[in-house]
């Protein structure tokens, strides 16, 4: 009889331990929140393909940025980002620190001065409507 009680006690403990370590499935809202991205557009002062490469690379290193694409003719940088990791203000600041204007905010002077001549908005090459 004592052996039967010990057997049932051991079985109950094993089942209890099994259920206490079971993983719970994440809720749908938590899953949706972690993978949600937003799209933000920034009007820049970028003028050439070197600017495109520079800005896209700069934004790729920003926390929370999923993708950044610059359309050179329109000078619009489209950024897909996670709002739980970064903000539009932070993204604008990153563009400014790269040496480019971000919407109505002017680029940081020191960063702008380090840009190659072809990337500067005051370059005569970029004053033509044809270029």
Protein backbone atom coordinates (compact mmCIF):
# COMPACT_ATOMS: atom_id res chain seq x y z
CA UNK A 1 0.00 0.00 0.00
CA UNK A 2 2.83 2.38 0.87
CA UNK A 3 4.45 1.58 -2.48
CA UNK A 4 1.23 2.45 -4.36
CA UNK A 5 1.01 5.80 -2.55
CA UNK A 6 4.64 6.55 -3.41
CA UNK A 7 3.97 5.71 -7.06
CA UNK A 8 0.97 8.10 -7.26
CA UNK A 9 2.89 10.83 -5.44
CA UNK A 10 5.81 10.51 -7.88
CA UNK A 11 3.45 10.55 -10.88
CA UNK A 12 1.70 13.66 -9.57
CA UNK A 13 5.02 15.45 -9.02
CA UNK A 14 6.21 14.60 -12.53
CA UNK A 15 3.00 15.88 -14.10
CA UNK A 16 3.10 19.05 -12.03
CA UNK A 17 6.71 19.68 -13.03
CA UNK A 18 5.88 19.04 -16.69
CA UNK A 19 3.12 21.63 -16.71
CA UNK A 20 5.07 24.22 -14.77
CA UNK A 21 7.86 24.27 -17.38
CA UNK A 22 5.58 24.29 -20.41
CA UNK A 23 5.99 27.29 -22.68
CA UNK A 24 3.09 29.56 -23.23
CA UNK A 25 2.25 30.82 -26.68
CA UNK A 26 2.77 34.57 -27.13
CA UNK A 27 -0.40 36.56 -27.43
CA UNK A 28 -1.41 37.94 -30.79
CA UNK A 29 -1.10 41.55 -29.62
CA UNK A 30 2.47 41.06 -28.40
CA UNK A 31 3.42 39.42 -31.68
CA UNK A 32 1.84 42.19 -33.74
CA UNK A 33 3.48 44.91 -31.68
CA UNK A 34 6.99 43.52 -32.07
CA UNK A 35 6.78 43.17 -35.84
CA UNK A 36 4.84 46.39 -36.59
CA UNK A 37 6.68 48.90 -38.72
CA UNK A 38 5.83 52.40 -39.81
CA UNK A 39 6.93 54.32 -42.88
CA UNK A 40 8.26 57.86 -42.66
CA UNK A 41 9.39 60.18 -45.46
CA UNK A 42 12.01 62.88 -45.12
CA UNK A 43 12.71 65.57 -47.72
CA UNK A 44 16.50 65.81 -47.97
CA UNK A 45 19.10 67.94 -49.74
CA UNK A 46 20.68 64.88 -51.40
CA UNK A 47 21.70 65.46 -55.02
CA UNK A 48 23.44 62.40 -56.43
CA UNK A 49 23.92 58.64 -56.21
CA UNK A 50 26.78 59.07 -53.73
CA UNK A 51 24.32 60.87 -51.47
CA UNK A 52 21.91 57.97 -51.91
CA UNK A 53 24.52 55.43 -50.85
CA UNK A 54 25.68 57.58 -47.93
CA UNK A 55 22.18 58.21 -46.54
CA UNK A 56 20.96 54.64 -46.96
CA UNK A 57 24.07 53.31 -45.22
CA UNK A 58 23.79 55.86 -42.42
CA UNK A 59 20.15 54.96 -41.74
CA UNK A 60 20.93 51.24 -41.91
CA UNK A 61 22.99 51.67 -38.74
CA UNK A 62 20.20 53.45 -36.86
CA UNK A 63 18.47 51.34 -34.24
CA UNK A 64 14.98 50.25 -35.32
CA UNK A 65 15.38 51.05 -39.03
CA UNK A 66 14.21 48.20 -41.23
CA UNK A 67 14.88 49.82 -44.61
CA UNK A 68 15.85 53.20 -46.04
CA UNK A 69 15.53 54.16 -49.69
CA UNK A 70 16.34 57.53 -51.26
CA UNK A 71 14.67 58.62 -54.48
CA UNK A 72 17.33 60.96 -55.88
CA UNK A 73 15.15 62.94 -58.36
CA UNK A 74 12.56 63.82 -55.72
CA UNK A 75 15.15 63.93 -52.87
CA UNK A 76 12.75 61.99 -50.63
CA UNK A 77 14.14 59.43 -48.20
CA UNK A 78 11.59 56.75 -47.30
CA UNK A 79 12.33 54.96 -44.05
CA UNK A 80 10.61 51.85 -42.72
CA UNK A 81 11.20 51.67 -38.97
CA UNK A 82 9.96 50.16 -35.72
CA UNK A 83 8.31 52.86 -33.60
CA UNK A 84 9.15 51.01 -30.39
CA UNK A 85 12.87 51.42 -31.21
CA UNK A 86 13.16 54.91 -32.77
CA UNK A 87 11.24 58.08 -33.62
CA UNK A 88 10.94 60.36 -36.66
CA UNK A 89 12.88 63.06 -34.75
CA UNK A 90 15.76 60.64 -34.23
CA UNK A 91 15.74 59.74 -37.92
CA UNK A 92 15.82 63.42 -38.93
CA UNK A 93 18.77 63.97 -36.60
CA UNK A 94 20.62 61.05 -38.20
CA UNK A 95 20.12 62.63 -41.64
CA UNK A 96 21.38 65.98 -40.33
CA UNK A 97 24.44 64.34 -38.78
CA UNK A 98 25.20 62.76 -42.15
CA UNK A 99 25.44 66.28 -43.62
CA UNK A 100 22.05 66.64 -45.29
CA UNK A 101 18.99 68.78 -44.64
CA UNK A 102 16.05 66.88 -43.15
CA UNK A 103 12.70 68.44 -44.02
CA UNK A 104 12.96 72.04 -42.76
CA UNK A 105 15.94 71.35 -40.48
CA UNK A 106 19.38 72.34 -41.77
CA UNK A 107 22.27 69.86 -41.90
CA UNK A 108 24.99 70.02 -39.27
CA UNK A 109 27.65 72.38 -40.59
CA UNK A 110 30.61 70.21 -39.71
CA UNK A 111 29.10 67.13 -41.35
CA UNK A 112 28.10 69.14 -44.43
CA UNK A 113 31.65 70.47 -44.80
CA UNK A 114 33.00 66.89 -44.83
CA UNK A 115 30.76 65.85 -47.75
CA UNK A 116 32.39 65.35 -51.15
CA UNK A 117 31.99 68.36 -53.45
CA UNK A 118 29.53 66.53 -55.68
CA UNK A 119 27.20 66.02 -52.71
CA UNK A 120 27.02 69.66 -51.67
CA UNK A 121 23.80 71.41 -52.60
CA UNK A 122 25.69 74.63 -53.38
CA UNK A 123 27.82 72.94 -56.06
CA UNK A 124 27.41 74.62 -59.49
CA UNK A 125 26.96 71.23 -61.14
CA UNK A 126 23.65 70.80 -59.28
CA UNK A 127 22.31 74.25 -60.05
CA UNK A 128 21.33 73.19 -63.59
CA UNK A 129 17.76 72.01 -64.04
CA UNK A 130 19.05 69.33 -66.42
CA UNK A 131 21.19 67.67 -63.74
